[in-house]
Amino acid sequence: MRSRFRTAVATTLAALALVALTACAAIPTGGAVRSGQSIKDESISGVDYRPDRPVPGADQTAVLRGFVAAGTGAQDDYAIAREFLAKGFADDWNPRRGVTVTQGSATVDRVADRELTYTLTASATVGADGEYTQAVRPTTSTLTFQFVREDGQWRIASAPDGIILTPVSFESVFEQHALYFFDPSYDYLVPDERWFLARSSTSTRIASALIAGPADWLKGAVVSAFPEGTQLSLNAVSIENGRAVVDLSSDALRSSNDDKLRMREQLTRSLASVASVSSVSITFEGATFTPPEQTGASAQVNPDVDPRPLVDRDDQVGYGSANGKVASLGGGAGAAVAALDPTSFSLSASGSVVAVGNDSGVVVVRGKQAVRIDATDDLVPPSIDDLGFVWVGGAGDTGSVTAYGLGGDPHEVATKLPRGGLVSFQVSRDSTRALALIETSDGPALYVMAILRDGDRTPTALGSPVRVQAATGTAVGAAWVNDSDVVSVGQTDDGPDVVRSTVGGQSAVLPEPDGVARSVTGGSGGSILLRMADGSVLQSTGGRWDTTGIEADVLGTQR
C-alpha cells in the first residue's frame, strides 16, 4: 500500500445507505460481455481475517456485535457476515455500499423488543466508488438494527448497507490506489485517490473505476481518454507473468490511436500500485491492439522542483545554500524581485516568470521587466500556474479570487468557499486544483477545489470545495507538497502544528518544531520547507525536522 496521508469532509454509514453514489467501482454488467474469469475475493493480498460465526443461543446484542466484527471477512462475498442475517434479508444486504471507520468504542442500546441501536463515532468513510472521506471532526451516528427469530436463533432482519471497521482492520484489509486522469492539455496525469479491498480482484476494480471516470469534485478539471460508454468487455482483468490484459468494449474502438495510447497510459499508471502488475496491454473485444510508435512525450506525473530552497536573503533572490550564498535567478529577475522588497513570491515552472507580493500589491516579473497587476491592500501571497495566470486573493474575501493574465488582464473566478479570512491560496503544480486555507471562528479550515477553464484555458470557476484536515491554532499557511499531498501550518501556544494530508487519503500530524513558524512551502521529493521567525529554514522528509543551514527573509514557492 502506498504511504499516503489523509483528507476531507465526514459522512456516516447511515448516509451511505441513503445517498445515491455515482461512478461505482462495481464491475459493469451492461453492454456486450464476453466470457471471462469471475471476480472472487478469496485470494487476498492483505491480512486474512477469519471472523467468528454466530454462536448458538446468542442474544441480540451478541449477534449485532458479531455481525459488525464479521465485516473484516470479505471472503465469499462476506459469507460469514451474512450468517448473522435473516434468510429473507441476507441477499439484500450490500456490504460494498460503503465503509465507516470507527473511532473508540461503540454502544448498543435497546429501543424495542426486537430493535437495537448501534452508536458509533466515525473517523472516516469510504464510498462504494472507493472515495475516502476523513471526518474533520469526529461524527457520531446511531444505526438501527431489527431482529427476528429463525430456528430458535436471533438473526438481523434489517440493517444499513455497508460495513464498519476499526482503523487497524481498515488499514489491514483496504489498500490505497491512485487512478490517473489527464489535465485538459494532456501534459500531466492527475491522481484521484481511491481505496479498494486488498484482494486479487483489485486490478479489475481499479480498471473499472478508472473507466467510470473521476470523482465528482474533479470533473471539469481533468479528462479521460476512455470514451463515454466504455466498459470492461471481459468481467475481469487477467494477469499473467506480471502482464495485465485489459479487454475493453467496442465503444473504445472508435477512439484515435493517440487516445488508445492515452488509455493504456492511464491504465499503466493506475495499475502500477498493484504489486503483481509490471506491464499493461489493452485489447478491444478480444482483438489485439498494436500501438503505433509514440511520437510525443509522455504526460508528467508528480512534477518536482529544484531541491534548493528558493529564498530572498539580504536583497538577493534565488536558490539558497548552507554556505550562505544565493544563486540568483537568471536574466536579471533576481535583482528585479529583490528591488520590489517582496513579502512573498512564486516562481513559474519554466523559471522565467515570478509573481511577487509586497506591501503595494502584486507584480509580475519577467527578466528585468516588472508589471504591477494588482494594487489592492491586504492580499494573500500570489500563486502562478503553468498556463499563464497569476492567482490573487484578498485576505478578507473568500467569495472570489482573480486570475490575471501575465499582461495584467483580470478574470474574476467565483468560489464556493465558506466565509472566513483567506490566509493562503495556491495552485497545484499540474494547474488543475487549488488549495485554500481559511481562518474561521472554529479555527483553520483547509479546502481543495478543481479549477475549471474555458477552451483557451482561461479560468472560469472553482469547483465544489473538498475539506481536508487542517492544522490547529492560528493559521499560518498551506501548500502543495506533491501531486496528492498538502500541508498546513498553525501556530499554537506550544509551537507550530503541522499536518500533512493526502487529498482522498489520510492525514498525519508531524513532529512539532521549536519556535514560531512564518511560512511553509513544498520542496523537492515530497519534502516540506518551513521558515521560522528567526529566518531559519527547516526541512521535513521522513517526519522529523532537519535544519538546512539556510536562512531566508522570505521563502519563495517553486512550481
Protein backbone atom coordinates (compact mmCIF):
# COMPACT_ATOMS: atom_id res chain seq x y z
CA MET A 1 0.00 0.00 0.00
CA ARG A 2 1.41 3.32 -0.94
CA SER A 3 2.24 5.54 2.02
CA ARG A 4 -0.08 8.49 1.80
CA PHE A 5 -1.79 10.75 4.29
CA ARG A 6 -5.38 11.99 4.76
CA THR A 7 -8.32 14.42 3.97
CA ALA A 8 -11.78 15.86 3.82
CA VAL A 9 -15.44 16.01 4.96
CA ALA A 10 -17.28 13.49 7.17
CA THR A 11 -20.31 11.40 6.39
CA THR A 12 -21.71 8.35 8.16
CA LEU A 13 -22.72 4.81 7.33
CA ALA A 14 -26.37 5.76 7.55
CA ALA A 15 -25.79 8.48 4.99
CA LEU A 16 -24.05 5.99 2.75
CA ALA A 17 -27.16 3.87 2.88
CA LEU A 18 -29.39 6.76 1.83
CA VAL A 19 -27.31 8.72 -0.67
CA ALA A 20 -27.10 7.52 -4.25
CA LEU A 21 -23.44 7.18 -5.16
CA THR A 22 -22.10 7.61 -8.67
CA ALA A 23 -19.03 6.35 -10.56
CA CYS A 24 -19.36 2.98 -8.83
CA ALA A 25 -16.36 0.70 -8.96
CA ALA A 26 -18.52 -2.41 -9.34
CA ILE A 27 -17.90 -4.49 -12.43
CA PRO A 28 -20.21 -3.39 -15.26
CA THR A 29 -22.91 -5.82 -16.34
CA GLY A 30 -24.42 -3.92 -19.28
CA GLY A 31 -23.31 -3.92 -22.93
CA ALA A 32 -21.57 -6.65 -24.85
CA VAL A 33 -19.99 -9.08 -22.40
CA ARG A 34 -17.68 -11.93 -23.26
CA SER A 35 -16.93 -14.91 -21.10
CA GLY A 36 -14.09 -14.44 -18.67
CA GLN A 37 -12.85 -15.28 -15.22
CA SER A 38 -15.18 -14.28 -12.42
CA ILE A 39 -14.18 -11.94 -9.64
CA LYS A 40 -13.64 -13.65 -6.34
CA ASP A 41 -12.31 -12.30 -3.08
CA GLU A 42 -10.84 -15.48 -1.65
CA SER A 43 -7.34 -14.63 -2.81
CA ILE A 44 -6.05 -11.80 -0.68
CA SER A 45 -3.04 -9.53 -0.62
CA GLY A 46 -3.74 -8.00 2.81
CA VAL A 47 -4.37 -9.60 6.22
CA ASP A 48 -6.69 -12.62 6.05
CA TYR A 49 -9.26 -12.09 8.78
CA ARG A 50 -11.41 -15.10 9.68
CA PRO A 51 -14.27 -13.70 11.81
CA ASP A 52 -16.30 -15.90 14.13
CA ARG A 53 -19.62 -17.38 13.04
CA PRO A 54 -22.81 -16.91 15.07
CA VAL A 55 -22.82 -18.72 18.41
CA PRO A 56 -25.96 -20.82 19.09
CA GLY A 57 -28.16 -19.21 21.72
CA ALA A 58 -26.52 -15.76 21.43
CA ASP A 59 -28.70 -12.81 22.42
CA GLN A 60 -29.45 -9.87 20.15
CA THR A 61 -26.51 -7.76 21.41
CA ALA A 62 -24.02 -10.57 20.80
CA VAL A 63 -25.46 -11.18 17.32
CA LEU A 64 -25.16 -7.48 16.50
CA ARG A 65 -21.59 -7.21 17.69
CA GLY A 66 -20.68 -10.44 15.90
CA PHE A 67 -22.19 -9.12 12.68
CA VAL A 68 -20.19 -5.89 12.90
CA ALA A 69 -16.98 -7.82 13.64
CA ALA A 70 -17.62 -10.06 10.63
CA GLY A 71 -17.19 -7.03 8.35
CA THR A 72 -13.48 -7.87 8.29
CA GLY A 73 -14.15 -11.09 6.36
CA ALA A 74 -14.78 -10.33 2.68
CA GLN A 75 -14.31 -13.95 1.60
CA ASP A 76 -17.15 -15.39 -0.49
CA ASP A 77 -18.88 -12.01 -0.61
CA TYR A 78 -18.96 -11.61 3.17
CA ALA A 79 -20.45 -15.07 3.65
CA ILE A 80 -19.81 -15.16 7.41
CA ALA A 81 -21.39 -11.76 8.00
CA ARG A 82 -24.46 -12.93 6.07
CA GLU A 83 -24.85 -15.85 8.52
CA PHE A 84 -25.93 -13.27 11.13
CA LEU A 85 -28.74 -12.08 8.84
CA ALA A 86 -32.26 -13.44 8.40
CA LYS A 87 -32.78 -15.59 5.33
CA GLY A 88 -35.08 -13.08 3.71
CA PHE A 89 -32.58 -10.25 4.21
CA ALA A 90 -29.16 -11.87 3.74
CA ASP A 91 -29.15 -11.50 -0.05
CA ASP A 92 -30.44 -7.91 0.09
CA TRP A 93 -27.71 -6.54 2.35
CA ASN A 94 -24.99 -4.76 0.31
CA PRO A 95 -21.65 -4.71 2.15
CA ARG A 96 -19.94 -2.87 -0.71
CA ARG A 97 -22.12 0.21 -0.38
CA GLY A 98 -19.54 1.82 1.88
CA VAL A 99 -17.24 1.58 4.89
CA THR A 100 -17.37 3.51 8.15
CA VAL A 101 -14.09 3.65 10.06
CA THR A 102 -14.84 3.95 13.76
CA GLN A 103 -13.07 5.86 16.48
CA GLY A 104 -13.29 4.45 20.00
CA SER A 105 -15.91 2.01 21.27
CA ALA A 106 -19.50 1.79 20.07
CA THR A 107 -22.52 1.45 22.35
CA VAL A 108 -25.55 -0.79 21.91
CA ASP A 109 -28.94 0.30 23.27
CA ARG A 110 -32.36 -1.30 23.20
CA VAL A 111 -35.23 0.74 21.78
CA ALA A 112 -37.79 -2.06 21.36
CA ASP A 113 -38.24 -5.76 21.98
CA ARG A 114 -36.72 -6.60 18.59
CA GLU A 115 -34.79 -3.44 17.83
CA LEU A 116 -31.33 -2.23 18.90
CA THR A 117 -29.33 0.86 18.06
CA TYR A 118 -25.59 0.92 17.49
CA THR A 119 -24.00 4.31 18.22
CA LEU A 120 -20.51 4.90 16.88
CA THR A 121 -18.11 7.74 16.24
CA ALA A 122 -16.90 7.85 12.64
CA SER A 123 -13.36 9.00 11.88
CA ALA A 124 -13.69 8.36 8.13
CA THR A 125 -15.90 6.80 5.48
CA VAL A 126 -15.29 5.14 2.12
CA GLY A 127 -17.97 5.24 -0.57
CA ALA A 128 -18.90 2.48 -2.98
CA ASP A 129 -16.57 4.02 -5.57
CA GLY A 130 -13.60 3.89 -3.20
CA GLU A 131 -13.58 7.60 -2.29
CA TYR A 132 -12.21 8.15 1.21
CA THR A 133 -13.57 10.98 3.34
CA GLN A 134 -11.97 11.75 6.68
CA ALA A 135 -14.06 13.39 9.35
CA VAL A 136 -12.60 16.80 10.08
CA ARG A 137 -14.28 16.38 13.45
CA PRO A 138 -15.40 13.01 14.86
CA THR A 139 -19.01 12.39 13.82
CA THR A 140 -21.46 10.43 15.98
CA SER A 141 -24.02 8.26 14.19
CA THR A 142 -26.75 5.98 15.50
CA LEU A 143 -27.69 2.97 13.35
CA THR A 144 -30.81 0.87 13.78
CA PHE A 145 -30.94 -2.94 13.60
CA GLN A 146 -34.09 -5.07 13.75
CA PHE A 147 -34.22 -8.74 14.72
CA VAL A 148 -36.27 -11.84 14.05
CA ARG A 149 -36.27 -15.41 15.40
CA GLU A 150 -35.26 -18.12 12.93
CA ASP A 151 -35.00 -21.75 14.03
CA GLY A 152 -34.78 -20.58 17.61
CA GLN A 153 -31.89 -18.19 16.95
CA TRP A 154 -31.83 -14.39 16.78
CA ARG A 155 -30.96 -13.02 13.35
CA ILE A 156 -30.81 -9.48 11.94
CA ALA A 157 -33.82 -8.69 9.73
CA SER A 158 -32.88 -5.10 8.88
CA ALA A 159 -29.52 -3.30 8.87
CA PRO A 160 -27.84 -0.43 7.00
CA ASP A 161 -25.79 -1.35 3.96
CA GLY A 162 -22.02 -1.19 4.24
CA ILE A 163 -19.54 -2.41 6.82
CA ILE A 164 -17.97 -0.98 9.98
CA LEU A 165 -14.23 -1.33 10.61
CA THR A 166 -11.75 -0.22 13.25
CA PRO A 167 -8.78 1.81 11.95
CA VAL A 168 -6.48 -1.20 12.39
CA SER A 169 -8.83 -3.52 10.47
CA PHE A 170 -9.35 -0.94 7.74
CA GLU A 171 -5.60 -0.47 7.22
CA SER A 172 -5.22 -4.26 7.02
CA VAL A 173 -7.96 -5.11 4.52
CA PHE A 174 -8.08 -1.97 2.33
CA GLU A 175 -5.35 -0.51 0.14
CA GLN A 176 -4.94 2.94 -1.38
CA HIS A 177 -4.52 3.29 -5.15
CA ALA A 178 -4.40 6.36 -7.38
CA LEU A 179 -6.48 6.49 -10.54
CA TYR A 180 -4.86 8.78 -13.10
CA PHE A 181 -6.63 11.24 -15.39
CA PHE A 182 -5.19 13.85 -17.75
CA ASP A 183 -5.29 17.57 -17.38
CA PRO A 184 -7.10 19.09 -20.42
CA SER A 185 -3.79 19.77 -22.19
CA TYR A 186 -2.63 16.14 -21.73
CA ASP A 187 0.63 17.44 -20.27
CA TYR A 188 0.04 15.99 -16.80
CA LEU A 189 -1.51 12.93 -15.21
CA VAL A 190 -3.52 13.88 -12.14
CA PRO A 191 -4.16 11.40 -9.29
CA ASP A 192 -7.62 10.57 -7.95
CA GLU A 193 -7.03 8.55 -4.78
CA ARG A 194 -9.30 5.57 -4.09
CA TRP A 195 -9.41 2.71 -1.57
CA PHE A 196 -10.17 -0.89 -2.51
CA LEU A 197 -10.22 -4.24 -0.75
CA ALA A 198 -6.81 -5.92 -0.79
CA ARG A 199 -7.86 -8.82 -2.99
CA SER A 200 -6.77 -10.48 -6.21
CA SER A 201 -9.62 -8.59 -7.90
CA THR A 202 -8.06 -5.20 -7.10
CA SER A 203 -6.73 -4.70 -10.64
CA THR A 204 -10.23 -5.25 -12.03
CA ARG A 205 -11.76 -2.79 -9.59
CA ILE A 206 -9.11 -0.18 -10.40
CA ALA A 207 -9.66 -0.56 -14.14
CA SER A 208 -13.43 -0.43 -13.77
CA ALA A 209 -13.30 2.67 -11.56
CA LEU A 210 -10.86 4.36 -13.94
CA ILE A 211 -13.13 3.76 -16.92
CA ALA A 212 -16.12 5.08 -14.94
CA GLY A 213 -14.38 8.45 -14.64
CA PRO A 214 -13.05 10.83 -11.99
CA ALA A 215 -14.59 11.73 -8.66
CA ASP A 216 -17.38 14.28 -8.93
CA TRP A 217 -15.33 17.09 -7.42
CA LEU A 218 -12.62 16.68 -10.10
CA LYS A 219 -14.96 16.67 -13.11
CA GLY A 220 -14.28 19.53 -15.47
CA ALA A 221 -10.67 19.89 -14.34
CA VAL A 222 -9.43 16.55 -15.68
CA VAL A 223 -10.25 14.42 -18.72
CA SER A 224 -10.12 10.72 -19.59
CA ALA A 225 -9.15 9.09 -22.87
CA PHE A 226 -11.87 6.44 -22.43
CA PRO A 227 -14.95 7.42 -24.49
CA GLU A 228 -18.31 7.53 -22.76
CA GLY A 229 -19.99 4.14 -22.60
CA THR A 230 -16.73 2.18 -22.46
CA GLN A 231 -16.76 -0.84 -20.15
CA LEU A 232 -14.62 -3.85 -19.45
CA SER A 233 -15.56 -6.38 -22.14
CA LEU A 234 -14.35 -9.26 -20.03
CA ASN A 235 -15.57 -9.16 -16.46
CA ALA A 236 -12.05 -9.27 -15.06
CA VAL A 237 -8.53 -8.03 -15.78
CA SER A 238 -6.30 -11.04 -16.39
CA ILE A 239 -2.71 -11.03 -15.13
CA GLU A 240 -0.14 -13.47 -16.43
CA ASN A 241 3.57 -13.24 -15.59
CA GLY A 242 3.09 -9.63 -14.48
CA ARG A 243 1.29 -8.55 -17.64
CA ALA A 244 -2.22 -7.20 -17.12
CA VAL A 245 -4.55 -7.54 -20.10
CA VAL A 246 -7.50 -5.13 -20.08
CA ASP A 247 -10.17 -6.01 -22.64
CA LEU A 248 -12.40 -3.04 -23.50
CA SER A 249 -15.84 -2.95 -25.05
CA SER A 250 -16.40 -1.88 -28.65
CA ASP A 251 -17.18 1.70 -27.54
CA ALA A 252 -13.42 2.28 -27.30
CA LEU A 253 -12.77 1.13 -30.86
CA ARG A 254 -13.83 4.48 -32.34
CA SER A 255 -11.02 6.26 -30.50
CA SER A 256 -7.99 7.62 -32.34
CA ASN A 257 -4.64 5.90 -31.97
CA ASP A 258 -3.49 8.79 -29.78
CA ASP A 259 -6.42 8.22 -27.42
CA LYS A 260 -5.78 4.48 -27.38
CA LEU A 261 -2.22 5.19 -26.32
CA ARG A 262 -3.56 7.51 -23.65
CA MET A 263 -5.94 4.81 -22.41
CA ARG A 264 -3.01 2.48 -21.98
CA GLU A 265 -1.03 5.24 -20.26
CA GLN A 266 -3.85 5.84 -17.79
CA LEU A 267 -4.16 2.12 -17.09
CA THR A 268 -0.41 1.64 -16.76
CA ARG A 269 -0.09 4.43 -14.22
CA SER A 270 -3.22 3.42 -12.31
CA LEU A 271 -2.26 -0.26 -12.09
CA ALA A 272 1.35 0.49 -11.14
CA SER A 273 0.41 0.29 -7.44
CA VAL A 274 -0.68 -3.35 -7.84
CA ALA A 275 2.30 -5.47 -6.85
CA SER A 276 1.52 -8.27 -9.30
CA VAL A 277 1.40 -5.95 -12.35
CA SER A 278 4.58 -4.96 -14.20
CA SER A 279 3.12 -4.10 -17.63
CA VAL A 280 -0.27 -3.42 -19.23
CA SER A 281 -1.76 -4.15 -22.63
CA ILE A 282 -5.25 -3.42 -23.93
CA THR A 283 -7.47 -5.36 -26.30
CA PHE A 284 -10.82 -4.47 -27.82
CA GLU A 285 -13.47 -7.22 -27.68
CA GLY A 286 -10.58 -9.67 -27.74
CA ALA A 287 -8.80 -8.03 -30.70
CA THR A 288 -5.16 -7.19 -30.03
CA PHE A 289 -4.18 -3.53 -30.24
CA THR A 290 -0.77 -2.93 -31.77
CA PRO A 291 0.18 0.54 -30.62
CA PRO A 292 1.88 2.86 -33.11
CA GLU A 293 5.21 4.35 -32.21
CA GLN A 294 4.66 7.15 -29.73
CA THR A 295 5.78 10.48 -31.19
CA GLY A 296 5.25 12.86 -28.26
CA ALA A 297 6.49 12.85 -24.70
CA SER A 298 4.52 11.04 -22.03
CA ALA A 299 2.46 13.11 -19.62
CA GLN A 300 4.24 14.20 -16.46
CA VAL A 301 3.40 12.55 -13.17
CA ASN A 302 4.07 14.37 -9.90
CA PRO A 303 6.26 17.20 -11.27
CA ASP A 304 9.17 18.04 -8.98
CA VAL A 305 11.07 21.25 -8.20
CA ASP A 306 14.68 22.30 -7.62
CA PRO A 307 15.99 20.74 -4.39
CA ARG A 308 17.42 24.08 -3.25
CA PRO A 309 15.09 26.35 -1.26
CA LEU A 310 14.04 29.49 -3.14
CA VAL A 311 14.77 32.48 -0.91
CA ASP A 312 15.14 36.21 -0.57
CA ARG A 313 18.15 36.77 1.65
CA ASP A 314 19.89 40.13 2.18
CA ASP A 315 18.40 41.55 -1.04
CA GLN A 316 19.44 38.51 -3.05
CA VAL A 317 16.72 36.38 -4.63
CA GLY A 318 17.49 32.87 -5.85
CA TYR A 319 18.42 29.42 -4.61
CA GLY A 320 19.89 29.30 -1.13
CA SER A 321 22.73 27.12 0.12
CA ALA A 322 24.12 26.21 3.51
CA ASN A 323 27.25 28.32 2.93
CA GLY A 324 25.11 31.46 2.95
CA LYS A 325 25.42 32.13 -0.77
CA VAL A 326 22.37 32.69 -3.00
CA ALA A 327 22.42 31.60 -6.65
CA SER A 328 20.48 34.49 -8.16
CA LEU A 329 17.63 33.98 -10.60
CA GLY A 330 18.84 34.47 -14.16
CA GLY A 331 18.12 37.19 -16.69
CA GLY A 332 18.15 39.88 -14.06
CA ALA A 333 14.97 38.52 -12.45
CA GLY A 334 16.62 38.03 -9.07
CA ALA A 335 17.64 41.68 -8.81
CA ALA A 336 14.25 42.84 -10.13
CA VAL A 337 12.40 40.83 -7.48
CA ALA A 338 14.70 41.98 -4.70
CA ALA A 339 14.14 45.61 -5.68
CA LEU A 340 10.40 45.17 -5.03
CA ASP A 341 11.00 44.39 -1.33
CA PRO A 342 8.92 41.16 -1.57
CA THR A 343 6.85 39.71 1.24
CA SER A 344 6.16 36.59 -0.90
CA PHE A 345 6.95 35.32 -4.39
CA SER A 346 6.15 32.38 -6.65
CA LEU A 347 8.38 31.14 -9.50
CA SER A 348 6.91 29.53 -12.63
CA ALA A 349 7.98 26.02 -13.63
CA SER A 350 9.96 27.46 -16.56
CA GLY A 351 11.81 29.79 -14.20
CA SER A 352 11.07 32.74 -16.47
CA VAL A 353 8.20 34.41 -14.60
CA VAL A 354 7.89 35.45 -10.96
CA ALA A 355 4.71 36.60 -9.22
CA VAL A 356 5.74 38.91 -6.40
CA GLY A 357 3.65 40.03 -3.44
CA ASN A 358 4.64 43.15 -1.48
CA ASP A 359 3.05 45.90 0.57
CA SER A 360 1.80 47.59 -2.61
CA GLY A 361 0.04 44.58 -4.20
CA VAL A 362 1.22 42.03 -6.77
CA VAL A 363 3.83 42.45 -9.50
CA VAL A 364 4.75 40.13 -12.39
CA VAL A 365 8.48 39.97 -13.14
CA ARG A 366 9.88 38.66 -16.41
CA GLY A 367 13.61 39.14 -16.69
CA LYS A 368 14.28 42.75 -15.71
CA GLN A 369 10.74 43.83 -16.57
CA ALA A 370 8.17 44.33 -13.81
CA VAL A 371 4.43 44.96 -14.30
CA ARG A 372 2.09 45.67 -11.41
CA ILE A 373 -1.17 43.74 -11.90
CA ASP A 374 -2.93 44.43 -8.60
CA ALA A 375 -2.54 47.37 -6.22
CA THR A 376 -5.09 46.16 -3.65
CA ASP A 377 -4.20 46.11 0.03
CA ASP A 378 -4.26 43.02 2.22
CA LEU A 379 -3.67 40.30 -0.38
CA VAL A 380 -2.56 36.73 0.31
CA PRO A 381 0.67 35.51 -1.37
CA PRO A 382 0.12 35.18 -5.15
CA SER A 383 0.27 31.81 -6.93
CA ILE A 384 1.33 31.29 -10.54
CA ASP A 385 0.20 28.41 -12.79
CA ASP A 386 1.68 26.86 -15.94
CA LEU A 387 -0.98 28.32 -18.23
CA GLY A 388 0.00 31.97 -17.93
CA PHE A 389 -2.12 33.13 -14.97
CA VAL A 390 -1.29 34.68 -11.62
CA TRP A 391 -3.85 33.98 -8.90
CA VAL A 392 -4.56 36.70 -6.36
CA GLY A 393 -6.93 36.58 -3.38
CA GLY A 394 -7.96 39.14 -0.80
CA ALA A 395 -7.45 38.22 2.84
CA GLY A 396 -10.95 39.35 3.79
CA ASP A 397 -12.91 37.73 0.95
CA THR A 398 -13.34 34.03 0.23
CA GLY A 399 -16.08 34.60 -2.35
CA SER A 400 -13.77 35.04 -5.31
CA VAL A 401 -10.17 35.17 -6.45
CA THR A 402 -8.74 36.89 -9.51
CA ALA A 403 -6.68 35.12 -12.16
CA TYR A 404 -4.55 37.69 -14.00
CA GLY A 405 -3.02 37.07 -17.39
CA LEU A 406 0.68 37.88 -17.43
CA GLY A 407 -0.19 41.15 -19.19
CA GLY A 408 -2.44 42.15 -16.31
CA ASP A 409 -5.87 41.28 -17.77
CA PRO A 410 -8.11 40.26 -14.82
CA HIS A 411 -10.53 37.31 -14.71
CA GLU A 412 -12.68 37.10 -11.61
CA VAL A 413 -13.17 33.50 -10.55
CA ALA A 414 -16.06 32.73 -8.18
CA THR A 415 -15.53 30.25 -5.37
CA LYS A 416 -17.91 28.22 -3.24
CA LEU A 417 -15.74 28.55 -0.18
CA PRO A 418 -17.39 29.25 3.17
CA ARG A 419 -16.92 32.67 4.71
CA GLY A 420 -13.79 33.38 6.66
CA GLY A 421 -10.43 35.07 6.41
CA LEU A 422 -8.40 33.79 3.45
CA VAL A 423 -4.88 33.01 4.67
CA SER A 424 -3.35 31.35 1.61
CA PHE A 425 -4.33 30.24 -1.90
CA GLN A 426 -2.10 28.05 -4.06
CA VAL A 427 -2.48 26.27 -7.40
CA SER A 428 -1.21 22.69 -7.76
CA ARG A 429 1.88 22.05 -9.88
CA ASP A 430 -0.27 20.47 -12.61
CA SER A 431 -2.54 23.57 -12.65
CA THR A 432 -5.74 21.54 -12.16
CA ARG A 433 -6.55 22.16 -8.49
CA ALA A 434 -6.35 24.94 -5.93
CA LEU A 435 -5.69 24.83 -2.19
CA ALA A 436 -7.23 27.43 0.15
CA LEU A 437 -6.59 27.89 3.88
CA ILE A 438 -9.25 29.89 5.75
CA GLU A 439 -9.31 31.20 9.29
CA THR A 440 -12.80 30.66 10.68
CA SER A 441 -14.47 31.19 14.06
CA ASP A 442 -13.89 27.45 14.65
CA GLY A 443 -10.22 27.59 13.68
CA PRO A 444 -8.34 26.90 10.42
CA ALA A 445 -10.20 25.16 7.59
CA LEU A 446 -8.46 23.72 4.52
CA TYR A 447 -10.11 23.09 1.15
CA VAL A 448 -9.15 21.69 -2.25
CA MET A 449 -11.07 22.69 -5.40
CA ALA A 450 -10.98 21.83 -9.08
CA ILE A 451 -10.03 24.65 -11.47
CA LEU A 452 -12.47 24.92 -14.36
CA ARG A 453 -11.28 26.62 -17.56
CA ASP A 454 -12.73 27.52 -20.96
CA GLY A 455 -11.44 26.46 -24.37
CA ASP A 456 -8.47 28.84 -24.31
CA ARG A 457 -7.55 27.72 -20.76
CA THR A 458 -8.79 30.88 -19.06
CA PRO A 459 -10.07 30.09 -15.55
CA THR A 460 -13.84 30.44 -15.27
CA ALA A 461 -14.77 28.90 -11.92
CA LEU A 462 -13.64 26.82 -8.98
CA GLY A 463 -15.50 23.59 -8.27
CA SER A 464 -17.12 22.48 -5.05
CA PRO A 465 -14.59 22.60 -2.20
CA VAL A 466 -13.49 19.35 -0.59
CA ARG A 467 -12.43 19.79 3.01
CA VAL A 468 -9.05 18.47 4.08
CA GLN A 469 -7.71 18.04 7.60
CA ALA A 470 -6.08 21.30 8.69
CA ALA A 471 -3.60 22.21 11.41
CA THR A 472 -4.87 23.76 14.63
CA GLY A 473 -4.02 27.09 16.20
CA THR A 474 -3.70 30.38 14.34
CA ALA A 475 -3.48 29.66 10.61
CA VAL A 476 -0.02 30.35 9.16
CA GLY A 477 -0.21 28.90 5.64
CA ALA A 478 -0.76 25.85 3.44
CA ALA A 479 1.00 24.45 0.39
CA TRP A 480 1.06 21.60 -2.13
CA VAL A 481 3.77 19.08 -1.25
CA ASN A 482 3.36 16.88 -4.35
CA ASP A 483 0.51 15.89 -6.69
CA SER A 484 -1.54 14.32 -3.87
CA ASP A 485 -0.28 15.69 -0.57
CA VAL A 486 -0.83 19.08 1.02
CA VAL A 487 0.49 20.61 4.23
CA SER A 488 -0.99 23.18 6.58
CA VAL A 489 0.60 25.01 9.50
CA GLY A 490 -0.98 26.63 12.54
CA GLN A 491 0.79 28.35 15.41
CA THR A 492 -0.28 27.25 18.91
CA ASP A 493 0.90 28.24 22.37
CA ASP A 494 3.07 25.12 22.37
CA GLY A 495 4.60 25.75 18.95
CA PRO A 496 3.81 25.09 15.28
CA ASP A 497 1.18 22.45 14.49
CA VAL A 498 1.98 20.89 11.11
CA VAL A 499 -0.45 18.50 9.40
CA ARG A 500 0.28 16.66 6.17
CA SER A 501 -2.77 15.28 4.35
CA THR A 502 -3.47 13.32 1.20
CA VAL A 503 -6.38 14.53 -0.90
CA GLY A 504 -8.53 11.40 -0.82
CA GLY A 505 -6.32 9.74 1.78
CA GLN A 506 -5.26 10.03 5.37
CA SER A 507 -3.57 12.74 7.44
CA ALA A 508 -0.66 12.81 9.87
CA VAL A 509 0.44 15.34 12.46
CA LEU A 510 4.18 15.93 12.04
CA PRO A 511 6.59 16.40 14.93
CA GLU A 512 6.45 19.89 16.41
CA PRO A 513 9.48 22.05 15.55
CA ASP A 514 10.80 24.56 18.08
CA GLY A 515 9.98 28.22 17.61
CA VAL A 516 7.42 30.22 15.67
CA ALA A 517 6.56 29.34 12.06
CA ARG A 518 6.14 32.12 9.50
CA SER A 519 5.60 30.36 6.16
CA VAL A 520 5.55 26.92 4.53
CA THR A 521 6.10 25.57 1.02
CA GLY A 522 6.60 22.26 -0.75
CA GLY A 523 10.16 21.24 -1.51
CA SER A 524 11.74 18.61 -3.74
CA GLY A 525 10.91 14.93 -3.48
CA GLY A 526 7.80 15.48 -1.39
CA SER A 527 9.64 17.39 1.32
CA ILE A 528 8.25 20.31 3.32
CA LEU A 529 10.12 23.58 3.90
CA LEU A 530 9.26 25.69 6.92
CA ARG A 531 10.56 29.21 7.54
CA MET A 532 10.80 30.14 11.20
CA ALA A 533 10.62 33.57 12.85
CA ASP A 534 14.42 33.70 13.21
CA GLY A 535 14.79 33.21 9.45
CA SER A 536 15.99 29.61 9.60
CA VAL A 537 14.64 27.18 7.01
CA LEU A 538 13.75 23.69 8.25
CA GLN A 539 13.05 20.65 6.08
CA SER A 540 10.95 17.56 6.76
CA THR A 541 11.08 14.46 4.57
CA GLY A 542 10.51 11.38 6.70
CA GLY A 543 8.64 13.12 9.51
CA ARG A 544 11.45 14.72 11.50
CA TRP A 545 12.65 18.31 11.05
CA ASP A 546 16.21 18.94 9.90
CA THR A 547 17.95 22.27 9.66
CA THR A 548 19.05 23.18 6.14
CA GLY A 549 21.64 25.70 7.29
CA ILE A 550 19.85 28.26 5.11
CA GLU A 551 18.34 31.50 6.32
CA ALA A 552 15.70 33.49 4.46
CA ASP A 553 13.95 36.81 4.82
CA VAL A 554 11.28 35.38 2.51
CA LEU A 555 10.73 31.76 1.47
CA GLY A 556 9.59 31.53 -2.16
CA THR A 557 7.34 28.95 -3.82
CA GLN A 558 8.52 26.86 -6.77
CA ARG A 559 6.21 25.29 -9.31
